[in-house]
C-alpha atoms as a PDB file:
ATOM      1  CA  UNK A   1     130.359  98.805 119.724  1.00  0.00           C
ATOM      2  CA  UNK A   2     128.176  96.148 121.437  1.00  0.00           C
ATOM      3  CA  UNK A   3     124.767  97.759 121.091  1.00  0.00           C
ATOM      4  CA  UNK A   4     125.439  98.620 117.490  1.00  0.00           C
ATOM      5  CA  UNK A   5     126.501  94.894 116.744  1.00  0.00           C
ATOM      6  CA  UNK A   6     123.146  94.158 118.429  1.00  0.00           C
ATOM      7  CA  UNK A   7     121.291  96.314 115.972  1.00  0.00           C
ATOM      8  CA  UNK A   8     123.054  94.260 113.127  1.00  0.00           C
ATOM      9  CA  UNK A   9     121.742  91.135 114.706  1.00  0.00           C
ATOM     10  CA  UNK A  10     118.416  92.598 114.984  1.00  0.00           C
ATOM     11  CA  UNK A  11     118.120  93.611 111.594  1.00  0.00           C
ATOM     12  CA  UNK A  12     118.799  90.089 110.524  1.00  0.00           C
ATOM     13  CA  UNK A  13     117.041  88.111 113.374  1.00  0.00           C
ATOM     14  CA  UNK A  14     114.296  90.669 115.061  1.00  0.00           C
ATOM     15  CA  UNK A  15     113.136  92.089 111.658  1.00  0.00           C
ATOM     16  CA  UNK A  16     113.758  89.163 109.406  1.00  0.00           C
ATOM     17  CA  UNK A  17     113.883  85.828 110.838  1.00  0.00           C
ATOM     18  CA  UNK A  18     114.825  84.217 107.624  1.00  0.00           C
ATOM     19  CA  UNK A  19     116.460  80.995 106.285  1.00  0.00           C
ATOM     20  CA  UNK A  20     118.760  81.446 102.863  1.00  0.00           C
ATOM     21  CA  UNK A  21     117.276  80.056  99.705  1.00  0.00           C
ATOM     22  CA  UNK A  22     119.655  77.455  98.062  1.00  0.00           C
ATOM     23  CA  UNK A  23     119.721  76.343  94.530  1.00  0.00           C
ATOM     24  CA  UNK A  24     118.264  72.641  95.684  1.00  0.00           C
ATOM     25  CA  UNK A  25     116.782  71.349  99.013  1.00  0.00           C
ATOM     26  CA  UNK A  26     115.906  68.121 100.387  1.00  0.00           C
ATOM     27  CA  UNK A  27     113.559  67.790 102.096  1.00  0.00           C
ATOM     28  CA  UNK A  28     111.120  70.041 100.434  1.00  0.00           C
ATOM     29  CA  UNK A  29     110.879  73.255 102.405  1.00  0.00           C
ATOM     30  CA  UNK A  30     107.989  75.418 102.818  1.00  0.00           C
ATOM     31  CA  UNK A  31     107.748  78.123 100.598  1.00  0.00           C
ATOM     32  CA  UNK A  32     109.847  76.509  98.152  1.00  0.00           C
ATOM     33  CA  UNK A  33     109.364  74.246  94.942  1.00  0.00           C
ATOM     34  CA  UNK A  34     112.049  72.318  93.097  1.00  0.00           C
ATOM     35  CA  UNK A  35     114.429  74.472  94.685  1.00  0.00           C
ATOM     36  CA  UNK A  36     113.175  77.658  93.897  1.00  0.00           C
ATOM     37  CA  UNK A  37     111.239  80.218  95.823  1.00  0.00           C
ATOM     38  CA  UNK A  38     107.533  80.011  95.515  1.00  0.00           C
ATOM     39  CA  UNK A  39     105.082  82.981  96.626  1.00  0.00           C
ATOM     40  CA  UNK A  40     101.308  83.772  96.699  1.00  0.00           C
ATOM     41  CA  UNK A  41      99.897  86.140  94.175  1.00  0.00           C
ATOM     42  CA  UNK A  42      99.072  89.356  95.145  1.00  0.00           C
ATOM     43  CA  UNK A  43      96.838  92.286  94.372  1.00  0.00           C
ATOM     44  CA  UNK A  44      98.352  94.706  96.744  1.00  0.00           C
ATOM     45  CA  UNK A  45      99.912  97.928  95.221  1.00  0.00           C
ATOM     46  CA  UNK A  46     101.638 100.154  94.346  1.00  0.00           C
ATOM     47  CA  UNK A  47     102.371  98.495  90.706  1.00  0.00           C
ATOM     48  CA  UNK A  48     104.852  99.306  87.914  1.00  0.00           C
ATOM     49  CA  UNK A  49     103.026  99.051  84.487  1.00  0.00           C
ATOM     50  CA  UNK A  50     100.598  96.312  86.401  1.00  0.00           C
ATOM     51  CA  UNK A  51     103.326  94.439  87.858  1.00  0.00           C
ATOM     52  CA  UNK A  52     103.373  94.096  91.562  1.00  0.00           C
ATOM     53  CA  UNK A  53     106.407  94.779  93.913  1.00  0.00           C
ATOM     54  CA  UNK A  54     108.676  91.875  93.881  1.00  0.00           C
ATOM     55  CA  UNK A  55     106.962  89.750  91.238  1.00  0.00           C
ATOM     56  CA  UNK A  56     110.033  87.870  90.370  1.00  0.00           C
ATOM     57  CA  UNK A  57     112.644  87.031  93.044  1.00  0.00           C
ATOM     58  CA  UNK A  58     115.806  85.450  92.148  1.00  0.00           C
ATOM     59  CA  UNK A  59     119.309  85.134  93.658  1.00  0.00           C
ATOM     60  CA  UNK A  60     120.030  85.309  97.661  1.00  0.00           C
ATOM     61  CA  UNK A  61     116.459  85.747  98.587  1.00  0.00           C
ATOM     62  CA  UNK A  62     115.869  84.913 102.163  1.00  0.00           C
ATOM     63  CA  UNK A  63     112.468  83.918 103.295  1.00  0.00           C
ATOM     64  CA  UNK A  64     110.315  82.820 106.550  1.00  0.00           C
ATOM     65  CA  UNK A  65     106.865  81.762 106.682  1.00  0.00           C
ATOM     66  CA  UNK A  66     104.572  82.271 109.821  1.00  0.00           C
ATOM     67  CA  UNK A  67     100.843  82.252 110.938  1.00  0.00           C
ATOM     68  CA  UNK A  68      99.312  85.571 110.470  1.00  0.00           C
ATOM     69  CA  UNK A  69      97.739  85.476 113.778  1.00  0.00           C
ATOM     70  CA  UNK A  70     101.085  85.599 115.331  1.00  0.00           C
ATOM     71  CA  UNK A  71     102.555  88.442 113.629  1.00  0.00           C
ATOM     72  CA  UNK A  72     102.958  91.677 115.779  1.00  0.00           C
ATOM     73  CA  UNK A  73     103.541  95.031 114.356  1.00  0.00           C
ATOM     74  CA  UNK A  74     105.798  97.621 116.446  1.00  0.00           C
ATOM     75  CA  UNK A  75     104.236 100.851 117.506  1.00  0.00           C
ATOM     76  CA  UNK A  76     106.062 103.397 115.356  1.00  0.00           C
ATOM     77  CA  UNK A  77     106.456 107.338 115.858  1.00  0.00           C
ATOM     78  CA  UNK A  78     103.673 108.501 113.307  1.00  0.00           C
ATOM     79  CA  UNK A  79     101.431 106.288 115.612  1.00  0.00           C
ATOM     80  CA  UNK A  80     101.903 109.028 118.266  1.00  0.00           C
ATOM     81  CA  UNK A  81     101.654 112.530 116.625  1.00  0.00           C
ATOM     82  CA  UNK A  82     101.760 114.007 120.023  1.00  0.00           C
ATOM     83  CA  UNK A  83     105.437 113.368 120.282  1.00  0.00           C
ATOM     84  CA  UNK A  84     106.440 115.415 117.386  1.00  0.00           C
ATOM     85  CA  UNK A  85     109.308 118.018 118.181  1.00  0.00           C
ATOM     86  CA  UNK A  86     109.919 116.186 121.375  1.00  0.00           C
ATOM     87  CA  UNK A  87     112.864 114.916 123.055  1.00  0.00           C
ATOM     88  CA  UNK A  88     111.558 111.867 124.823  1.00  0.00           C
ATOM     89  CA  UNK A  89     113.820 110.689 127.569  1.00  0.00           C
ATOM     90  CA  UNK A  90     113.955 106.790 128.318  1.00  0.00           C
ATOM     91  CA  UNK A  91     114.485 104.655 131.213  1.00  0.00           C
ATOM     92  CA  UNK A  92     116.018 102.048 129.319  1.00  0.00           C
ATOM     93  CA  UNK A  93     118.580 101.805 126.433  1.00  0.00           C
ATOM     94  CA  UNK A  94     117.330 102.330 122.740  1.00  0.00           C
ATOM     95  CA  UNK A  95     115.954  99.310 120.867  1.00  0.00           C
ATOM     96  CA  UNK A  96     118.731  97.447 118.824  1.00  0.00           C
ATOM     97  CA  UNK A  97     116.392  98.167 115.863  1.00  0.00           C
ATOM     98  CA  UNK A  98     114.197 101.084 116.127  1.00  0.00           C
ATOM     99  CA  UNK A  99     110.551 100.309 116.025  1.00  0.00           C
ATOM    100  CA  UNK A 100     109.984 102.564 112.836  1.00  0.00           C
ATOM    101  CA  UNK A 101     112.266 100.095 111.039  1.00  0.00           C
ATOM    102  CA  UNK A 102     111.246  97.155 112.586  1.00  0.00           C
ATOM    103  CA  UNK A 103     107.561  97.537 111.394  1.00  0.00           C
ATOM    104  CA  UNK A 104     108.392  97.698 107.896  1.00  0.00           C
ATOM    105  CA  UNK A 105     107.304  94.834 105.928  1.00  0.00           C
ATOM    106  CA  UNK A 106     107.297  95.686 102.198  1.00  0.00           C
ATOM    107  CA  UNK A 107     109.972  98.300 100.772  1.00  0.00           C
ATOM    108  CA  UNK A 108     113.268  98.951 101.345  1.00  0.00           C
ATOM    109  CA  UNK A 109     115.874  99.535 104.238  1.00  0.00           C
ATOM    110  CA  UNK A 110     119.423 101.191 103.927  1.00  0.00           C
ATOM    111  CA  UNK A 111     121.564 101.098 107.027  1.00  0.00           C
ATOM    112  CA  UNK A 112     124.838 103.004 107.752  1.00  0.00           C
ATOM    113  CA  UNK A 113     127.319 102.075 110.351  1.00  0.00           C
ATOM    114  CA  UNK A 114     129.937 104.450 110.975  1.00  0.00           C
ATOM    115  CA  UNK A 115     133.526 103.996 111.981  1.00  0.00           C
ATOM    116  CA  UNK A 116     136.761 106.214 112.628  1.00  0.00           C
ATOM    117  CA  UNK A 117     135.468 109.795 112.804  1.00  0.00           C
ATOM    118  CA  UNK A 118     131.948 108.579 112.480  1.00  0.00           C
ATOM    119  CA  UNK A 119     132.356 106.034 115.212  1.00  0.00           C
ATOM    120  CA  UNK A 120     129.138 105.658 117.183  1.00  0.00           C
ATOM    121  CA  UNK A 121     126.797 106.776 114.388  1.00  0.00           C
ATOM    122  CA  UNK A 122     124.344 104.340 112.985  1.00  0.00           C
ATOM    123  CA  UNK A 123     121.839 105.538 110.615  1.00  0.00           C
ATOM    124  CA  UNK A 124     118.609 103.961 108.874  1.00  0.00           C
ATOM    125  CA  UNK A 125     116.793 105.016 105.818  1.00  0.00           C
ATOM    126  CA  UNK A 126     113.812 103.189 104.462  1.00  0.00           C
ATOM    127  CA  UNK A 127     110.756 103.488 102.151  1.00  0.00           C
ATOM    128  CA  UNK A 128     107.623 101.693 103.474  1.00  0.00           C
ATOM    129  CA  UNK A 129     104.882 100.802 100.863  1.00  0.00           C
ATOM    130  CA  UNK A 130     102.169  99.490 103.055  1.00  0.00           C
ATOM    131  CA  UNK A 131     101.909 103.113 104.494  1.00  0.00           C
ATOM    132  CA  UNK A 132     103.323 105.145 101.853  1.00  0.00           C
ATOM    133  CA  UNK A 133     105.848 106.735 104.041  1.00  0.00           C
ATOM    134  CA  UNK A 134     109.614 107.284 104.249  1.00  0.00           C
ATOM    135  CA  UNK A 135     111.588 106.692 107.341  1.00  0.00           C
ATOM    136  CA  UNK A 136     114.875 108.157 108.706  1.00  0.00           C
ATOM    137  CA  UNK A 137     116.364 107.013 111.892  1.00  0.00           C
ATOM    138  CA  UNK A 138     119.982 108.580 112.829  1.00  0.00           C
ATOM    139  CA  UNK A 139     121.325 107.295 116.056  1.00  0.00           C
ATOM    140  CA  UNK A 140     124.608 108.673 117.884  1.00  0.00           C
ATOM    141  CA  UNK A 141     126.106 106.856 120.839  1.00  0.00           C
ATOM    142  CA  UNK A 142     128.614 107.818 123.251  1.00  0.00           C
ATOM    143  CA  UNK A 143     130.404 105.210 125.292  1.00  0.00           C
ATOM    144  CA  UNK A 144     132.986 106.393 127.805  1.00  0.00           C
ATOM    145  CA  UNK A 145     134.785 103.024 127.348  1.00  0.00           C
ATOM    146  CA  UNK A 146     134.886 103.246 123.380  1.00  0.00           C
ATOM    147  CA  UNK A 147     138.268 104.624 121.752  1.00  0.00           C
ATOM    148  CA  UNK A 148     136.950 107.038 119.245  1.00  0.00           C
ATOM    149  CA  UNK A 149     133.544 107.748 120.581  1.00  0.00           C
ATOM    150  CA  UNK A 150     132.395 111.523 121.356  1.00  0.00           C
ATOM    151  CA  UNK A 151     129.953 113.164 123.319  1.00  0.00           C
ATOM    152  CA  UNK A 152     126.575 113.303 121.958  1.00  0.00           C
ATOM    153  CA  UNK A 153     124.251 116.626 122.493  1.00  0.00           C
ATOM    154  CA  UNK A 154     120.682 116.785 122.741  1.00  0.00           C
ATOM    155  CA  UNK A 155     119.056 117.603 119.579  1.00  0.00           C
ATOM    156  CA  UNK A 156     117.415 121.060 119.487  1.00  0.00           C
ATOM    157  CA  UNK A 157     113.837 121.578 117.676  1.00  0.00           C
ATOM    158  CA  UNK A 158     114.124 125.217 116.741  1.00  0.00           C
ATOM    159  CA  UNK A 159     110.469 125.060 115.749  1.00  0.00           C
ATOM    160  CA  UNK A 160     107.305 122.855 116.230  1.00  0.00           C
ATOM    161  CA  UNK A 161     108.090 119.825 114.467  1.00  0.00           C
ATOM    162  CA  UNK A 162     105.160 117.740 112.934  1.00  0.00           C
ATOM    163  CA  UNK A 163     107.526 114.964 111.424  1.00  0.00           C
ATOM    164  CA  UNK A 164     110.354 114.301 113.638  1.00  0.00           C
ATOM    165  CA  UNK A 165     111.172 113.563 117.312  1.00  0.00           C
ATOM    166  CA  UNK A 166     114.018 112.180 119.331  1.00  0.00           C
ATOM    167  CA  UNK A 167     114.626 109.751 121.907  1.00  0.00           C
ATOM    168  CA  UNK A 168     117.492 109.669 124.518  1.00  0.00           C
ATOM    169  CA  UNK A 169     118.785 107.078 127.216  1.00  0.00           C
ATOM    170  CA  UNK A 170     121.860 107.558 129.053  1.00  0.00           C
ATOM    171  CA  UNK A 171     123.769 106.203 132.316  1.00  0.00           C
ATOM    172  CA  UNK A 172     127.078 107.320 134.012  1.00  0.00           C
ATOM    173  CA  UNK A 173     129.029 105.669 131.130  1.00  0.00           C
ATOM    174  CA  UNK A 174     126.875 105.651 127.952  1.00  0.00           C
ATOM    175  CA  UNK A 175     124.565 107.977 125.929  1.00  0.00           C
ATOM    176  CA  UNK A 176     122.152 106.913 123.344  1.00  0.00           C
ATOM    177  CA  UNK A 177     120.256 109.746 121.306  1.00  0.00           C
ATOM    178  CA  UNK A 178     118.245 109.112 117.827  1.00  0.00           C
ATOM    179  CA  UNK A 179     116.307 111.308 115.739  1.00  0.00           C
ATOM    180  CA  UNK A 180     113.150 110.073 113.967  1.00  0.00           C
ATOM    181  CA  UNK A 181     111.637 111.436 110.853  1.00  0.00           C
ATOM    182  CA  UNK A 182     108.715 109.937 109.144  1.00  0.00           C
ATOM    183  CA  UNK A 183     106.919 111.640 106.171  1.00  0.00           C
ATOM    184  CA  UNK A 184     104.699 110.785 103.334  1.00  0.00           C
ATOM    185  CA  UNK A 185     105.479 109.889  99.964  1.00  0.00           C
ATOM    186  CA  UNK A 186     103.129 109.956  96.768  1.00  0.00           C
ATOM    187  CA  UNK A 187     101.770 107.140  95.021  1.00  0.00           C
ATOM    188  CA  UNK A 188     103.716 108.163  91.993  1.00  0.00           C
ATOM    189  CA  UNK A 189     106.914 108.179  94.081  1.00  0.00           C
ATOM    190  CA  UNK A 190     105.972 104.737  95.352  1.00  0.00           C
ATOM    191  CA  UNK A 191     105.348 103.242  91.792  1.00  0.00           C
ATOM    192  CA  UNK A 192     108.622 104.656  90.519  1.00  0.00           C
ATOM    193  CA  UNK A 193     110.420 102.951  93.651  1.00  0.00           C
ATOM    194  CA  UNK A 194     108.587  99.429  92.598  1.00  0.00           C
ATOM    195  CA  UNK A 195     110.057 100.179  88.891  1.00  0.00           C
ATOM    196  CA  UNK A 196     113.336 100.712  90.157  1.00  0.00           C
ATOM    197  CA  UNK A 197     113.459  98.046  92.565  1.00  0.00           C
ATOM    198  CA  UNK A 198     112.028  95.091  90.746  1.00  0.00           C
ATOM    199  CA  UNK A 199     115.087  94.600  88.570  1.00  0.00           C
ATOM    200  CA  UNK A 200     117.134  93.948  91.798  1.00  0.00           C
ATOM    201  CA  UNK A 201     114.567  91.514  93.307  1.00  0.00           C
ATOM    202  CA  UNK A 202     114.820  89.435  89.920  1.00  0.00           C
ATOM    203  CA  UNK A 203     118.669  89.755  89.490  1.00  0.00           C
ATOM    204  CA  UNK A 204     120.483  86.525  90.242  1.00  0.00           C
ATOM    205  CA  UNK A 205     123.406  88.397  91.354  1.00  0.00           C
ATOM    206  CA  UNK A 206     121.926  91.529  92.923  1.00  0.00           C
ATOM    207  CA  UNK A 207     125.208  91.886  95.073  1.00  0.00           C
ATOM    208  CA  UNK A 208     128.414  92.233  93.335  1.00  0.00           C
ATOM    209  CA  UNK A 209     131.583  90.319  94.645  1.00  0.00           C
ATOM    210  CA  UNK A 210     133.012  91.360  98.046  1.00  0.00           C
ATOM    211  CA  UNK A 211     136.196  92.678  97.632  1.00  0.00           C
ATOM    212  CA  UNK A 212     136.689  93.053 101.458  1.00  0.00           C
ATOM    213  CA  UNK A 213     136.218  96.187 103.656  1.00  0.00           C
ATOM    214  CA  UNK A 214     137.339  99.475 102.617  1.00  0.00           C
ATOM    215  CA  UNK A 215     139.665 100.191 105.188  1.00  0.00           C
ATOM    216  CA  UNK A 216     139.639 103.910 104.551  1.00  0.00           C
ATOM    217  CA  UNK A 217     135.762 104.014 104.405  1.00  0.00           C
ATOM    218  CA  UNK A 218     134.299 106.074 107.171  1.00  0.00           C
ATOM    219  CA  UNK A 219     131.620 103.459 107.517  1.00  0.00           C
ATOM    220  CA  UNK A 220     129.585 100.642 106.152  1.00  0.00           C
ATOM    221  CA  UNK A 221     126.412 100.549 104.121  1.00  0.00           C
ATOM    222  CA  UNK A 222     123.991  97.915 103.531  1.00  0.00           C
ATOM    223  CA  UNK A 223     120.544  97.620 101.410  1.00  0.00           C
ATOM    224  CA  UNK A 224     117.768  95.180 101.737  1.00  0.00           C
ATOM    225  CA  UNK A 225     114.608  94.937  99.775  1.00  0.00           C
ATOM    226  CA  UNK A 226     111.580  93.520 101.913  1.00  0.00           C
ATOM    227  CA  UNK A 227     108.397  91.894 100.832  1.00  0.00           C
ATOM    228  CA  UNK A 228     105.350  90.182 102.438  1.00  0.00           C
ATOM    229  CA  UNK A 229     102.750  88.069 100.780  1.00  0.00           C
ATOM    230  CA  UNK A 230      99.615  86.650 102.580  1.00  0.00           C
ATOM    231  CA  UNK A 231      97.857  83.350 101.812  1.00  0.00           C
ATOM    232  CA  UNK A 232      94.974  82.184 103.832  1.00  0.00           C
ATOM    233  CA  UNK A 233      96.312  82.242 107.290  1.00  0.00           C
ATOM    234  CA  UNK A 234      99.967  82.321 106.275  1.00  0.00           C
ATOM    235  CA  UNK A 235     102.280  85.221 105.869  1.00  0.00           C
ATOM    236  CA  UNK A 236     105.616  84.804 103.728  1.00  0.00           C
ATOM    237  CA  UNK A 237     108.218  87.484 104.222  1.00  0.00           C
ATOM    238  CA  UNK A 238     111.274  87.749 101.762  1.00  0.00           C
ATOM    239  CA  UNK A 239     114.442  89.733 102.319  1.00  0.00           C
ATOM    240  CA  UNK A 240     117.050  90.353  99.753  1.00  0.00           C
ATOM    241  CA  UNK A 241     120.464  92.082 100.308  1.00  0.00           C
ATOM    242  CA  UNK A 242     121.438  94.249  97.391  1.00  0.00           C
ATOM    243  CA  UNK A 243     123.726  96.614  95.681  1.00  0.00           C
ATOM    244  CA  UNK A 244     122.239 100.110  95.276  1.00  0.00           C
ATOM    245  CA  UNK A 245     121.618 100.610  91.656  1.00  0.00           C
ATOM    246  CA  UNK A 246     122.026 104.091  90.089  1.00  0.00           C
ATOM    247  CA  UNK A 247     118.143 104.114  89.236  1.00  0.00           C
ATOM    248  CA  UNK A 248     117.046 103.209  92.504  1.00  0.00           C
ATOM    249  CA  UNK A 249     119.524 105.428  94.267  1.00  0.00           C
ATOM    250  CA  UNK A 250     118.180 108.327  91.958  1.00  0.00           C
ATOM    251  CA  UNK A 251     114.254 107.578  92.862  1.00  0.00           C
ATOM    252  CA  UNK A 252     114.984 107.462  96.670  1.00  0.00           C
ATOM    253  CA  UNK A 253     117.185 110.685  96.225  1.00  0.00           C
ATOM    254  CA  UNK A 254     114.226 112.531  94.806  1.00  0.00           C
ATOM    255  CA  UNK A 255     112.058 111.255  97.840  1.00  0.00           C
ATOM    256  CA  UNK A 256     114.485 112.519 100.345  1.00  0.00           C
ATOM    257  CA  UNK A 257     114.600 115.987  98.931  1.00  0.00           C
ATOM    258  CA  UNK A 258     111.461 116.809 100.576  1.00  0.00           C
ATOM    259  CA  UNK A 259     112.304 115.032 103.709  1.00  0.00           C
ATOM    260  CA  UNK A 260     111.664 117.229 106.992  1.00  0.00           C
ATOM    261  CA  UNK A 261     115.011 119.153 108.209  1.00  0.00           C
ATOM    262  CA  UNK A 262     114.673 117.891 111.713  1.00  0.00           C
ATOM    263  CA  UNK A 263     116.586 119.271 114.667  1.00  0.00           C
ATOM    264  CA  UNK A 264     119.934 120.692 114.978  1.00  0.00           C
ATOM    265  CA  UNK A 265     122.434 118.674 116.818  1.00  0.00           C
END
């Protein structure tokens, strides 16, 4: 679907405008020395046994560099607590990449894109280390022109929600609805996440060989680690696609055990 495809591009372009790191490079590129990624030191936590998030980066790391003054931070749902428990009807289509995901600069983002019986569903789940929150966005799209797309009901908030809300846009042929949940995580959970994620940052082969798409799967899942470093007036951003490790999946699973229930839909 065109807007879901737009979301894929947005995740790679809007959120992470990057250039892949290669084993050698000529001429020298900013943020690189001798063909290797260099990064400013950081004192920003949370830490794992005194080691910062993404202390060692290897493998298919992508990075970008920009003037700090030009960086913009998207306004996310937890900036507007008055929206909690509401279905907000928009006069324009949903953003290809939800604002709550677009503003994450340090942490992890997991994206699921449905197909077959889950056609029209795209979901993001993430941990934001800068704000110590977990984020979940589930989007459902009905398009009259699609073969397998199905009608999308309005989310029903059965009680006053403090940590979730919804957005909706529709016209004569298309309906887009997404439910957003943002909830706090503890410092200990953040530290455990850093301990689980750092080996994936350092792994030279953090993604296994691609055997091609699974024709029977009901969707495609992608996982990305994100980091940001500051040096004087420059901001360095790093992105790495990874395979979800058992340890990292266990830590994230424990975080999601106390996620808000959200609406019925």
